C-alpha atoms as a PDB file:
ATOM      1  CA  MET A   1      44.821  27.709  65.550  1.00  0.00           C
ATOM      2  CA  LEU A   2      44.066  31.356  66.017  1.00  0.00           C
ATOM      3  CA  GLU A   3      42.087  33.171  63.704  1.00  0.00           C
ATOM      4  CA  LYS A   4      43.932  36.187  61.611  1.00  0.00           C
ATOM      5  CA  PRO A   5      42.497  39.635  62.891  1.00  0.00           C
ATOM      6  CA  ILE A   6      40.441  41.559  60.395  1.00  0.00           C
ATOM      7  CA  ARG A   7      41.512  45.397  59.857  1.00  0.00           C
ATOM      8  CA  PHE A   8      39.861  47.929  57.928  1.00  0.00           C
ATOM      9  CA  THR A   9      41.178  50.519  55.914  1.00  0.00           C
ATOM     10  CA  PRO A  10      39.740  54.109  56.323  1.00  0.00           C
ATOM     11  CA  HIS A  11      37.790  53.606  52.729  1.00  0.00           C
ATOM     12  CA  ALA A  12      36.426  50.052  54.208  1.00  0.00           C
ATOM     13  CA  GLU A  13      35.553  51.938  57.460  1.00  0.00           C
ATOM     14  CA  GLN A  14      33.878  54.790  55.621  1.00  0.00           C
ATOM     15  CA  SER A  15      32.200  52.216  53.213  1.00  0.00           C
ATOM     16  CA  LEU A  16      30.367  50.721  56.391  1.00  0.00           C
ATOM     17  CA  LEU A  17      29.004  54.205  57.396  1.00  0.00           C
ATOM     18  CA  ALA A  18      27.986  55.043  53.962  1.00  0.00           C
ATOM     19  CA  ARG A  19      26.375  51.919  53.016  1.00  0.00           C
ATOM     20  CA  LEU A  20      25.387  50.934  56.142  1.00  0.00           C
ATOM     21  CA  ILE A  21      26.660  47.537  56.390  1.00  0.00           C
ATOM     22  CA  SER A  22      27.597  46.013  59.737  1.00  0.00           C
ATOM     23  CA  ARG A  23      30.974  45.126  61.133  1.00  0.00           C
ATOM     24  CA  LYS A  24      29.534  41.940  61.891  1.00  0.00           C
ATOM     25  CA  GLU A  25      28.438  40.999  58.705  1.00  0.00           C
ATOM     26  CA  VAL A  26      31.806  41.915  56.787  1.00  0.00           C
ATOM     27  CA  GLU A  27      33.545  39.404  59.033  1.00  0.00           C
ATOM     28  CA  GLU A  28      31.051  37.180  59.189  1.00  0.00           C
ATOM     29  CA  THR A  29      31.490  37.086  54.895  1.00  0.00           C
ATOM     30  CA  VAL A  30      35.393  37.027  55.131  1.00  0.00           C
ATOM     31  CA  ARG A  31      35.379  34.224  57.526  1.00  0.00           C
ATOM     32  CA  SER A  32      32.809  31.995  56.099  1.00  0.00           C
ATOM     33  CA  PRO A  33      31.986  33.476  52.447  1.00  0.00           C
ATOM     34  CA  ASP A  34      29.376  31.657  50.353  1.00  0.00           C
ATOM     35  CA  ARG A  35      32.236  32.271  47.490  1.00  0.00           C
ATOM     36  CA  GLU A  36      35.531  33.381  46.979  1.00  0.00           C
ATOM     37  CA  GLU A  37      37.359  34.342  44.000  1.00  0.00           C
ATOM     38  CA  ASP A  38      40.773  36.040  43.246  1.00  0.00           C
ATOM     39  CA  ALA A  39      40.916  39.315  42.110  1.00  0.00           C
ATOM     40  CA  ARG A  40      43.782  41.317  40.949  1.00  0.00           C
ATOM     41  CA  PRO A  41      46.726  40.284  43.030  1.00  0.00           C
ATOM     42  CA  PRO A  42      47.098  39.896  46.157  1.00  0.00           C
ATOM     43  CA  ARG A  43      43.660  40.618  46.411  1.00  0.00           C
ATOM     44  CA  ARG A  44      40.407  38.574  46.944  1.00  0.00           C
ATOM     45  CA  VAL A  45      36.769  38.745  46.975  1.00  0.00           C
ATOM     46  CA  ALA A  46      34.373  37.206  49.415  1.00  0.00           C
ATOM     47  CA  SER A  47      30.785  36.996  49.078  1.00  0.00           C
ATOM     48  CA  ARG A  48      27.945  36.424  50.972  1.00  0.00           C
ATOM     49  CA  GLN A  49      24.102  36.319  50.557  1.00  0.00           C
ATOM     50  CA  PHE A  50      22.177  37.705  53.786  1.00  0.00           C
ATOM     51  CA  PHE A  51      18.923  39.307  54.701  1.00  0.00           C
ATOM     52  CA  ASP A  52      19.377  43.422  54.600  1.00  0.00           C
ATOM     53  CA  GLU A  53      17.264  44.518  57.650  1.00  0.00           C
ATOM     54  CA  LEU A  54      16.777  48.078  56.585  1.00  0.00           C
ATOM     55  CA  LEU A  55      15.961  46.845  52.809  1.00  0.00           C
ATOM     56  CA  LYS A  56      14.166  43.896  54.086  1.00  0.00           C
ATOM     57  CA  LYS A  57      15.378  41.673  51.551  1.00  0.00           C
ATOM     58  CA  GLU A  58      18.168  39.203  50.570  1.00  0.00           C
ATOM     59  CA  MET A  59      21.082  40.907  49.659  1.00  0.00           C
ATOM     60  CA  LEU A  60      24.907  39.652  48.599  1.00  0.00           C
ATOM     61  CA  LEU A  61      27.725  41.248  50.227  1.00  0.00           C
ATOM     62  CA  ARG A  62      31.073  41.371  48.702  1.00  0.00           C
ATOM     63  CA  VAL A  63      34.174  42.072  50.720  1.00  0.00           C
ATOM     64  CA  ILE A  64      37.610  42.877  48.731  1.00  0.00           C
ATOM     65  CA  THR A  65      40.157  41.735  51.123  1.00  0.00           C
ATOM     66  CA  GLU A  66      44.157  41.869  50.797  1.00  0.00           C
ATOM     67  CA  GLU A  67      46.086  39.215  53.337  1.00  0.00           C
ATOM     68  CA  SER A  68      49.227  38.821  54.734  1.00  0.00           C
ATOM     69  CA  ALA A  69      50.936  37.275  57.409  1.00  0.00           C
ATOM     70  CA  ASP A  70      49.638  39.182  60.331  1.00  0.00           C
ATOM     71  CA  GLY A  71      46.204  39.611  59.298  1.00  0.00           C
ATOM     72  CA  ILE A  72      43.077  40.224  57.042  1.00  0.00           C
ATOM     73  CA  GLN A  73      42.729  43.643  55.522  1.00  0.00           C
ATOM     74  CA  VAL A  74      39.005  45.114  53.919  1.00  0.00           C
ATOM     75  CA  ILE A  75      40.378  47.095  51.257  1.00  0.00           C
ATOM     76  CA  THR A  76      36.318  47.963  50.419  1.00  0.00           C
ATOM     77  CA  LEU A  77      32.766  46.489  50.392  1.00  0.00           C
ATOM     78  CA  TYR A  78      29.181  46.655  49.097  1.00  0.00           C
ATOM     79  CA  LYS A  79      26.191  45.059  48.733  1.00  0.00           C
ATOM     80  CA  THR A  80      24.624  44.557  46.078  1.00  0.00           C
ATOM     81  CA  SER A  81      20.717  42.389  44.661  1.00  0.00           C
ATOM     82  CA  LYS A  82      22.171  41.024  41.900  1.00  0.00           C
ATOM     83  CA  ILE A  83      23.007  38.112  43.535  1.00  0.00           C
ATOM     84  CA  THR A  84      22.852  35.405  40.882  1.00  0.00           C
ATOM     85  CA  LYS A  85      25.506  37.549  38.707  1.00  0.00           C
ATOM     86  CA  TYR A  86      28.038  36.749  41.480  1.00  0.00           C
ATOM     87  CA  LEU A  87      27.128  33.620  43.082  1.00  0.00           C
ATOM     88  CA  ILE A  88      26.608  31.384  39.780  1.00  0.00           C
ATOM     89  CA  PRO A  89      29.960  30.035  39.084  1.00  0.00           C
END
């Protein structure tokens, strides 16, 4: 089965640049999240812990998406140091 393509909204593209987050990190988070949860329908939030090379510390990447039959659209994204706040169920 083929993986659905991941597309970025203009807002998400701006967030990549402004927050210095790599597209690769976002795609890994969407494809293999540490935790996934429902948000306001039809949105979902994928979270994954990663080592931020710029900050030299562990961070949590949160990616808000909307999935459709033809792909996954990244609405927005951000990184946070509040790992336990979001990863503890």
